[in-house]
Amino acid sequence: MPPHSPEQSASASRRKHLAVVMALLISGVVFGPLLLALYRDGSVFFLLLTALIWLGAGRFIYHLLAPNENGRPAKSARDADQ
């Protein structure tokens, strides 16, 4: 496999950073207000549980948006069959 050019790796790096920011924003819109309400209420158990669910949702969204190791979006199952 030929080595990646610096332009491709820079592009993949920018896309990964964008995927992280978007995952935090998307999941933060859902879980941020809930986390703040639980913090103000003083519910430590549910605060920690919600924070863990927020991290899991953010990771899921990141994997949907991030490019694979080659810097290209992953093929769908329909594209792989063709």
PDB file of N, CA and C in Angstrom:
ATOM      1  N   MET A   1       0.845  -1.166   0.000  1.00  0.00           N
ATOM      2  CA  MET A   1       0.000   0.000   0.000  1.00  0.00           C
ATOM      3  C   MET A   1       0.894   1.234   0.000  1.00  0.00           C
ATOM      4  N   PRO A   2       0.665   2.187  -0.886  1.00  0.00           N
ATOM      5  CA  PRO A   2       1.513   3.368  -0.941  1.00  0.00           C
ATOM      6  C   PRO A   2       1.294   4.256   0.283  1.00  0.00           C
ATOM      7  N   PRO A   3       2.337   4.957   0.708  1.00  0.00           N
ATOM      8  CA  PRO A   3       2.166   5.859   1.859  1.00  0.00           C
ATOM      9  C   PRO A   3       1.235   7.009   1.515  1.00  0.00           C
ATOM     10  N   HIS A   4       0.564   7.518   2.523  1.00  0.00           N
ATOM     11  CA  HIS A   4      -0.377   8.619   2.318  1.00  0.00           C
ATOM     12  C   HIS A   4       0.381   9.915   2.115  1.00  0.00           C
ATOM     13  N   SER A   5      -0.159  10.756   1.274  1.00  0.00           N
ATOM     14  CA  SER A   5       0.449  12.065   1.075  1.00  0.00           C
ATOM     15  C   SER A   5       0.111  12.953   2.273  1.00  0.00           C
ATOM     16  N   PRO A   6       0.927  13.970   2.539  1.00  0.00           N
ATOM     17  CA  PRO A   6       0.630  14.863   3.676  1.00  0.00           C
ATOM     18  C   PRO A   6      -0.721  15.558   3.539  1.00  0.00           C
ATOM     19  N   GLU A   7      -1.132  15.822   2.290  1.00  0.00           N
ATOM     20  CA  GLU A   7      -2.419  16.481   2.082  1.00  0.00           C
ATOM     21  C   GLU A   7      -3.569  15.593   2.536  1.00  0.00           C
ATOM     22  N   GLN A   8      -3.491  14.297   2.237  1.00  0.00           N
ATOM     23  CA  GLN A   8      -4.546  13.379   2.638  1.00  0.00           C
ATOM     24  C   GLN A   8      -4.579  13.230   4.153  1.00  0.00           C
ATOM     25  N   SER A   9      -3.427  13.123   4.785  1.00  0.00           N
ATOM     26  CA  SER A   9      -3.422  12.962   6.228  1.00  0.00           C
ATOM     27  C   SER A   9      -3.896  14.238   6.929  1.00  0.00           C
ATOM     28  N   ALA A  10      -3.571  15.402   6.367  1.00  0.00           N
ATOM     29  CA  ALA A  10      -4.060  16.658   6.938  1.00  0.00           C
ATOM     30  C   ALA A  10      -5.574  16.750   6.793  1.00  0.00           C
ATOM     31  N   SER A  11      -6.076  16.320   5.654  1.00  0.00           N
ATOM     32  CA  SER A  11      -7.516  16.338   5.429  1.00  0.00           C
ATOM     33  C   SER A  11      -8.221  15.381   6.396  1.00  0.00           C
ATOM     34  N   ALA A  12      -7.657  14.202   6.575  1.00  0.00           N
ATOM     35  CA  ALA A  12      -8.253  13.233   7.505  1.00  0.00           C
ATOM     36  C   ALA A  12      -8.198  13.764   8.934  1.00  0.00           C
ATOM     37  N   SER A  13      -7.118  14.432   9.277  1.00  0.00           N
ATOM     38  CA  SER A  13      -6.994  15.006  10.616  1.00  0.00           C
ATOM     39  C   SER A  13      -8.044  16.092  10.841  1.00  0.00           C
ATOM     40  N   ARG A  14      -8.252  16.940   9.850  1.00  0.00           N
ATOM     41  CA  ARG A  14      -9.281  17.981   9.970  1.00  0.00           C
ATOM     42  C   ARG A  14     -10.666  17.367  10.089  1.00  0.00           C
ATOM     43  N   ARG A  15     -10.909  16.309   9.323  1.00  0.00           N
ATOM     44  CA  ARG A  15     -12.227  15.658   9.400  1.00  0.00           C
ATOM     45  C   ARG A  15     -12.443  14.986  10.750  1.00  0.00           C
ATOM     46  N   LYS A  16     -11.377  14.436  11.332  1.00  0.00           N
ATOM     47  CA  LYS A  16     -11.509  13.831  12.659  1.00  0.00           C
ATOM     48  C   LYS A  16     -11.793  14.891  13.707  1.00  0.00           C
ATOM     49  N   HIS A  17     -11.119  16.030  13.617  1.00  0.00           N
ATOM     50  CA  HIS A  17     -11.376  17.117  14.560  1.00  0.00           C
ATOM     51  C   HIS A  17     -12.804  17.631  14.409  1.00  0.00           C
ATOM     52  N   LEU A  18     -13.258  17.765  13.182  1.00  0.00           N
ATOM     53  CA  LEU A  18     -14.626  18.198  12.938  1.00  0.00           C
ATOM     54  C   LEU A  18     -15.629  17.182  13.485  1.00  0.00           C
ATOM     55  N   ALA A  19     -15.337  15.906  13.338  1.00  0.00           N
ATOM     56  CA  ALA A  19     -16.230  14.866  13.856  1.00  0.00           C
ATOM     57  C   ALA A  19     -16.311  14.930  15.377  1.00  0.00           C
ATOM     58  N   VAL A  20     -15.194  15.195  16.049  1.00  0.00           N
ATOM     59  CA  VAL A  20     -15.201  15.314  17.512  1.00  0.00           C
ATOM     60  C   VAL A  20     -16.053  16.504  17.942  1.00  0.00           C
ATOM     61  N   VAL A  21     -15.854  17.639  17.296  1.00  0.00           N
ATOM     62  CA  VAL A  21     -16.607  18.843  17.659  1.00  0.00           C
ATOM     63  C   VAL A  21     -18.097  18.640  17.407  1.00  0.00           C
ATOM     64  N   MET A  22     -18.446  18.067  16.271  1.00  0.00           N
ATOM     65  CA  MET A  22     -19.861  17.850  15.956  1.00  0.00           C
ATOM     66  C   MET A  22     -20.493  16.846  16.913  1.00  0.00           C
ATOM     67  N   ALA A  23     -19.755  15.789  17.271  1.00  0.00           N
ATOM     68  CA  ALA A  23     -20.294  14.804  18.204  1.00  0.00           C
ATOM     69  C   ALA A  23     -20.552  15.444  19.563  1.00  0.00           C
ATOM     70  N   LEU A  24     -19.632  16.289  20.027  1.00  0.00           N
ATOM     71  CA  LEU A  24     -19.848  16.970  21.302  1.00  0.00           C
ATOM     72  C   LEU A  24     -21.025  17.939  21.236  1.00  0.00           C
ATOM     73  N   LEU A  25     -21.151  18.647  20.126  1.00  0.00           N
ATOM     74  CA  LEU A  25     -22.267  19.588  19.999  1.00  0.00           C
ATOM     75  C   LEU A  25     -23.613  18.880  19.934  1.00  0.00           C
ATOM     76  N   ILE A  26     -23.685  17.851  19.111  1.00  0.00           N
ATOM     77  CA  ILE A  26     -24.965  17.147  18.936  1.00  0.00           C
ATOM     78  C   ILE A  26     -25.390  16.467  20.233  1.00  0.00           C
ATOM     79  N   SER A  27     -24.469  15.753  20.859  1.00  0.00           N
ATOM     80  CA  SER A  27     -24.834  15.071  22.100  1.00  0.00           C
ATOM     81  C   SER A  27     -25.004  16.076  23.243  1.00  0.00           C
ATOM     82  N   GLY A  28     -24.271  17.192  23.193  1.00  0.00           N
ATOM     83  CA  GLY A  28     -24.393  18.199  24.242  1.00  0.00           C
ATOM     84  C   GLY A  28     -25.734  18.900  24.250  1.00  0.00           C
ATOM     85  N   VAL A  29     -26.325  19.061  23.082  1.00  0.00           N
ATOM     86  CA  VAL A  29     -27.648  19.685  23.005  1.00  0.00           C
ATOM     87  C   VAL A  29     -28.680  18.821  23.732  1.00  0.00           C
ATOM     88  N   VAL A  30     -28.509  17.522  23.650  1.00  0.00           N
ATOM     89  CA  VAL A  30     -29.456  16.614  24.292  1.00  0.00           C
ATOM     90  C   VAL A  30     -29.147  16.446  25.777  1.00  0.00           C
ATOM     91  N   PHE A  31     -27.884  16.178  26.094  1.00  0.00           N
ATOM     92  CA  PHE A  31     -27.536  15.806  27.463  1.00  0.00           C
ATOM     93  C   PHE A  31     -27.082  16.970  28.331  1.00  0.00           C
ATOM     94  N   GLY A  32     -26.679  18.092  27.750  1.00  0.00           N
ATOM     95  CA  GLY A  32     -26.217  19.229  28.538  1.00  0.00           C
ATOM     96  C   GLY A  32     -27.261  19.774  29.503  1.00  0.00           C
ATOM     97  N   PRO A  33     -28.455  20.110  29.024  1.00  0.00           N
ATOM     98  CA  PRO A  33     -29.468  20.622  29.958  1.00  0.00           C
ATOM     99  C   PRO A  33     -29.872  19.607  31.029  1.00  0.00           C
ATOM    100  N   LEU A  34     -29.924  18.341  30.651  1.00  0.00           N
ATOM    101  CA  LEU A  34     -30.257  17.314  31.640  1.00  0.00           C
ATOM    102  C   LEU A  34     -29.167  17.214  32.700  1.00  0.00           C
ATOM    103  N   LEU A  35     -27.917  17.267  32.267  1.00  0.00           N
ATOM    104  CA  LEU A  35     -26.800  17.206  33.196  1.00  0.00           C
ATOM    105  C   LEU A  35     -26.808  18.419  34.131  1.00  0.00           C
ATOM    106  N   LEU A  36     -27.096  19.580  33.603  1.00  0.00           N
ATOM    107  CA  LEU A  36     -27.153  20.786  34.425  1.00  0.00           C
ATOM    108  C   LEU A  36     -28.287  20.706  35.448  1.00  0.00           C
ATOM    109  N   ALA A  37     -29.438  20.218  35.039  1.00  0.00           N
ATOM    110  CA  ALA A  37     -30.561  20.082  35.964  1.00  0.00           C
ATOM    111  C   ALA A  37     -30.248  19.083  37.070  1.00  0.00           C
ATOM    112  N   LEU A  38     -29.597  17.987  36.711  1.00  0.00           N
ATOM    113  CA  LEU A  38     -29.235  17.003  37.730  1.00  0.00           C
ATOM    114  C   LEU A  38     -28.169  17.547  38.676  1.00  0.00           C
ATOM    115  N   TYR A  39     -27.266  18.368  38.160  1.00  0.00           N
ATOM    116  CA  TYR A  39     -26.240  18.989  39.003  1.00  0.00           C
ATOM    117  C   TYR A  39     -26.880  19.943  40.015  1.00  0.00           C
ATOM    118  N   ARG A  40     -27.825  20.755  39.529  1.00  0.00           N
ATOM    119  CA  ARG A  40     -28.495  21.698  40.426  1.00  0.00           C
ATOM    120  C   ARG A  40     -29.362  20.989  41.448  1.00  0.00           C
ATOM    121  N   ASP A  41     -29.902  19.833  41.078  1.00  0.00           N
ATOM    122  CA  ASP A  41     -30.748  19.056  41.986  1.00  0.00           C
ATOM    123  C   ASP A  41     -29.909  18.327  43.032  1.00  0.00           C
ATOM    124  N   GLY A  42     -28.647  18.070  42.738  1.00  0.00           N
ATOM    125  CA  GLY A  42     -27.771  17.392  43.684  1.00  0.00           C
ATOM    126  C   GLY A  42     -27.797  15.879  43.575  1.00  0.00           C
ATOM    127  N   SER A  43     -28.298  15.356  42.490  1.00  0.00           N
ATOM    128  CA  SER A  43     -28.404  13.916  42.298  1.00  0.00           C
ATOM    129  C   SER A  43     -27.099  13.380  41.701  1.00  0.00           C
ATOM    130  N   VAL A  44     -26.188  12.922  42.566  1.00  0.00           N
ATOM    131  CA  VAL A  44     -24.861  12.507  42.121  1.00  0.00           C
ATOM    132  C   VAL A  44     -24.929  11.229  41.282  1.00  0.00           C
ATOM    133  N   PHE A  45     -25.721  10.255  41.685  1.00  0.00           N
ATOM    134  CA  PHE A  45     -25.797   8.987  40.959  1.00  0.00           C
ATOM    135  C   PHE A  45     -26.287   9.206  39.530  1.00  0.00           C
ATOM    136  N   PHE A  46     -27.397   9.917  39.389  1.00  0.00           N
ATOM    137  CA  PHE A  46     -27.952  10.136  38.057  1.00  0.00           C
ATOM    138  C   PHE A  46     -27.098  11.109  37.245  1.00  0.00           C
ATOM    139  N   LEU A  47     -26.386  11.997  37.913  1.00  0.00           N
ATOM    140  CA  LEU A  47     -25.449  12.879  37.229  1.00  0.00           C
ATOM    141  C   LEU A  47     -24.337  12.060  36.581  1.00  0.00           C
ATOM    142  N   LEU A  48     -23.763  11.129  37.326  1.00  0.00           N
ATOM    143  CA  LEU A  48     -22.715  10.269  36.768  1.00  0.00           C
ATOM    144  C   LEU A  48     -23.253   9.360  35.674  1.00  0.00           C
ATOM    145  N   LEU A  49     -24.434   8.819  35.874  1.00  0.00           N
ATOM    146  CA  LEU A  49     -25.046   7.955  34.868  1.00  0.00           C
ATOM    147  C   LEU A  49     -25.301   8.728  33.572  1.00  0.00           C
ATOM    148  N   THR A  50     -25.814   9.933  33.685  1.00  0.00           N
ATOM    149  CA  THR A  50     -26.070  10.755  32.505  1.00  0.00           C
ATOM    150  C   THR A  50     -24.774  11.146  31.814  1.00  0.00           C
ATOM    151  N   ALA A  51     -23.720  11.442  32.589  1.00  0.00           N
ATOM    152  CA  ALA A  51     -22.431  11.785  31.996  1.00  0.00           C
ATOM    153  C   ALA A  51     -21.865  10.607  31.204  1.00  0.00           C
ATOM    154  N   LEU A  52     -22.010   9.401  31.717  1.00  0.00           N
ATOM    155  CA  LEU A  52     -21.533   8.214  30.994  1.00  0.00           C
ATOM    156  C   LEU A  52     -22.348   7.972  29.724  1.00  0.00           C
ATOM    157  N   ILE A  53     -23.645   8.172  29.806  1.00  0.00           N
ATOM    158  CA  ILE A  53     -24.484   8.016  28.615  1.00  0.00           C
ATOM    159  C   ILE A  53     -24.127   9.089  27.588  1.00  0.00           C
ATOM    160  N   TRP A  54     -23.820  10.305  28.047  1.00  0.00           N
ATOM    161  CA  TRP A  54     -23.403  11.388  27.148  1.00  0.00           C
ATOM    162  C   TRP A  54     -22.120  11.002  26.421  1.00  0.00           C
ATOM    163  N   LEU A  55     -21.158  10.451  27.135  1.00  0.00           N
ATOM    164  CA  LEU A  55     -19.913  10.008  26.495  1.00  0.00           C
ATOM    165  C   LEU A  55     -20.171   8.905  25.477  1.00  0.00           C
ATOM    166  N   GLY A  56     -21.041   7.965  25.817  1.00  0.00           N
ATOM    167  CA  GLY A  56     -21.363   6.886  24.888  1.00  0.00           C
ATOM    168  C   GLY A  56     -22.062   7.388  23.640  1.00  0.00           C
ATOM    169  N   ALA A  57     -22.991   8.299  23.804  1.00  0.00           N
ATOM    170  CA  ALA A  57     -23.692   8.861  22.646  1.00  0.00           C
ATOM    171  C   ALA A  57     -22.737   9.680  21.790  1.00  0.00           C
ATOM    172  N   GLY A  58     -21.847  10.429  22.422  1.00  0.00           N
ATOM    173  CA  GLY A  58     -20.865  11.205  21.675  1.00  0.00           C
ATOM    174  C   GLY A  58     -19.926  10.317  20.885  1.00  0.00           C
ATOM    175  N   ARG A  59     -19.510   9.205  21.481  1.00  0.00           N
ATOM    176  CA  ARG A  59     -18.637   8.269  20.772  1.00  0.00           C
ATOM    177  C   ARG A  59     -19.357   7.632  19.588  1.00  0.00           C
ATOM    178  N   PHE A  60     -20.626   7.290  19.772  1.00  0.00           N
ATOM    179  CA  PHE A  60     -21.408   6.713  18.692  1.00  0.00           C
ATOM    180  C   PHE A  60     -21.520   7.697  17.527  1.00  0.00           C
ATOM    181  N   ILE A  61     -21.829   8.952  17.833  1.00  0.00           N
ATOM    182  CA  ILE A  61     -21.953   9.960  16.791  1.00  0.00           C
ATOM    183  C   ILE A  61     -20.607  10.196  16.122  1.00  0.00           C
ATOM    184  N   TYR A  62     -19.524  10.188  16.906  1.00  0.00           N
ATOM    185  CA  TYR A  62     -18.187  10.362  16.335  1.00  0.00           C
ATOM    186  C   TYR A  62     -17.892   9.273  15.309  1.00  0.00           C
ATOM    187  N   HIS A  63     -18.216   8.030  15.644  1.00  0.00           N
ATOM    188  CA  HIS A  63     -17.946   6.936  14.716  1.00  0.00           C
ATOM    189  C   HIS A  63     -18.817   6.997  13.471  1.00  0.00           C
ATOM    190  N   LEU A  64     -19.963   7.632  13.574  1.00  0.00           N
ATOM    191  CA  LEU A  64     -20.779   7.829  12.383  1.00  0.00           C
ATOM    192  C   LEU A  64     -20.179   8.880  11.458  1.00  0.00           C
ATOM    193  N   LEU A  65     -19.541   9.893  12.037  1.00  0.00           N
ATOM    194  CA  LEU A  65     -19.053  11.028  11.254  1.00  0.00           C
ATOM    195  C   LEU A  65     -17.587  10.928  10.856  1.00  0.00           C
ATOM    196  N   ALA A  66     -16.781  10.222  11.619  1.00  0.00           N
ATOM    197  CA  ALA A  66     -15.329  10.213  11.390  1.00  0.00           C
ATOM    198  C   ALA A  66     -14.960   9.338  10.197  1.00  0.00           C
ATOM    199  N   PRO A  67     -13.903   9.732   9.481  1.00  0.00           N
ATOM    200  CA  PRO A  67     -13.417   8.888   8.387  1.00  0.00           C
ATOM    201  C   PRO A  67     -12.703   7.662   8.950  1.00  0.00           C
ATOM    202  N   ASN A  68     -12.590   6.630   8.130  1.00  0.00           N
ATOM    203  CA  ASN A  68     -11.859   5.454   8.588  1.00  0.00           C
ATOM    204  C   ASN A  68     -10.363   5.728   8.539  1.00  0.00           C
ATOM    205  N   GLU A  69      -9.533   4.722   8.787  1.00  0.00           N
ATOM    206  CA  GLU A  69      -8.091   4.915   8.890  1.00  0.00           C
ATOM    207  C   GLU A  69      -7.470   5.429   7.593  1.00  0.00           C
ATOM    208  N   ASN A  70      -8.077   5.147   6.464  1.00  0.00           N
ATOM    209  CA  ASN A  70      -7.520   5.575   5.188  1.00  0.00           C
ATOM    210  C   ASN A  70      -7.877   7.018   4.852  1.00  0.00           C
ATOM    211  N   GLY A  71      -8.716   7.633   5.673  1.00  0.00           N
ATOM    212  CA  GLY A  71      -9.103   9.005   5.416  1.00  0.00           C
ATOM    213  C   GLY A  71     -10.318   9.136   4.526  1.00  0.00           C
ATOM    214  N   ARG A  72     -10.890   8.024   4.133  1.00  0.00           N
ATOM    215  CA  ARG A  72     -12.082   8.044   3.283  1.00  0.00           C
ATOM    216  C   ARG A  72     -13.271   7.560   4.094  1.00  0.00           C
ATOM    217  N   PRO A  73     -14.457   8.034   3.767  1.00  0.00           N
ATOM    218  CA  PRO A  73     -15.637   7.528   4.467  1.00  0.00           C
ATOM    219  C   PRO A  73     -15.808   6.032   4.210  1.00  0.00           C
ATOM    220  N   ALA A  74     -16.297   5.324   5.197  1.00  0.00           N
ATOM    221  CA  ALA A  74     -16.508   3.886   5.059  1.00  0.00           C
ATOM    222  C   ALA A  74     -17.622   3.609   4.052  1.00  0.00           C
ATOM    223  N   LYS A  75     -17.490   2.505   3.336  1.00  0.00           N
ATOM    224  CA  LYS A  75     -18.523   2.125   2.367  1.00  0.00           C
ATOM    225  C   LYS A  75     -19.698   1.500   3.096  1.00  0.00           C
ATOM    226  N   SER A  76     -20.864   1.748   2.566  1.00  0.00           N
ATOM    227  CA  SER A  76     -22.048   1.113   3.144  1.00  0.00           C
ATOM    228  C   SER A  76     -22.118  -0.330   2.641  1.00  0.00           C
ATOM    229  N   ALA A  77     -22.995  -1.103   3.248  1.00  0.00           N
ATOM    230  CA  ALA A  77     -23.130  -2.521   2.838  1.00  0.00           C
ATOM    231  C   ALA A  77     -23.609  -2.611   1.400  1.00  0.00           C
ATOM    232  N   ARG A  78     -24.453  -1.683   0.955  1.00  0.00           N
ATOM    233  CA  ARG A  78     -24.945  -1.704  -0.410  1.00  0.00           C
ATOM    234  C   ARG A  78     -23.799  -1.422  -1.394  1.00  0.00           C
ATOM    235  N   ASP A  79     -22.901  -0.477  -1.050  1.00  0.00           N
ATOM    236  CA  ASP A  79     -21.768  -0.166  -1.926  1.00  0.00           C
ATOM    237  C   ASP A  79     -20.768  -1.296  -1.964  1.00  0.00           C
ATOM    238  N   ALA A  80     -20.609  -2.034  -0.884  1.00  0.00           N
ATOM    239  CA  ALA A  80     -19.657  -3.123  -0.817  1.00  0.00           C
ATOM    240  C   ALA A  80     -20.094  -4.300  -1.698  1.00  0.00           C
ATOM    241  N   ASP A  81     -21.418  -4.482  -1.854  1.00  0.00           N
ATOM    242  CA  ASP A  81     -21.930  -5.585  -2.671  1.00  0.00           C
ATOM    243  C   ASP A  81     -21.709  -5.330  -4.152  1.00  0.00           C
ATOM    244  N   GLN A  82     -21.635  -4.106  -4.574  1.00  0.00           N
ATOM    245  CA  GLN A  82     -21.536  -3.783  -5.999  1.00  0.00           C
ATOM    246  C   GLN A  82     -20.161  -3.884  -6.499  1.00  0.00           C
TER     247      GLN A  82
END
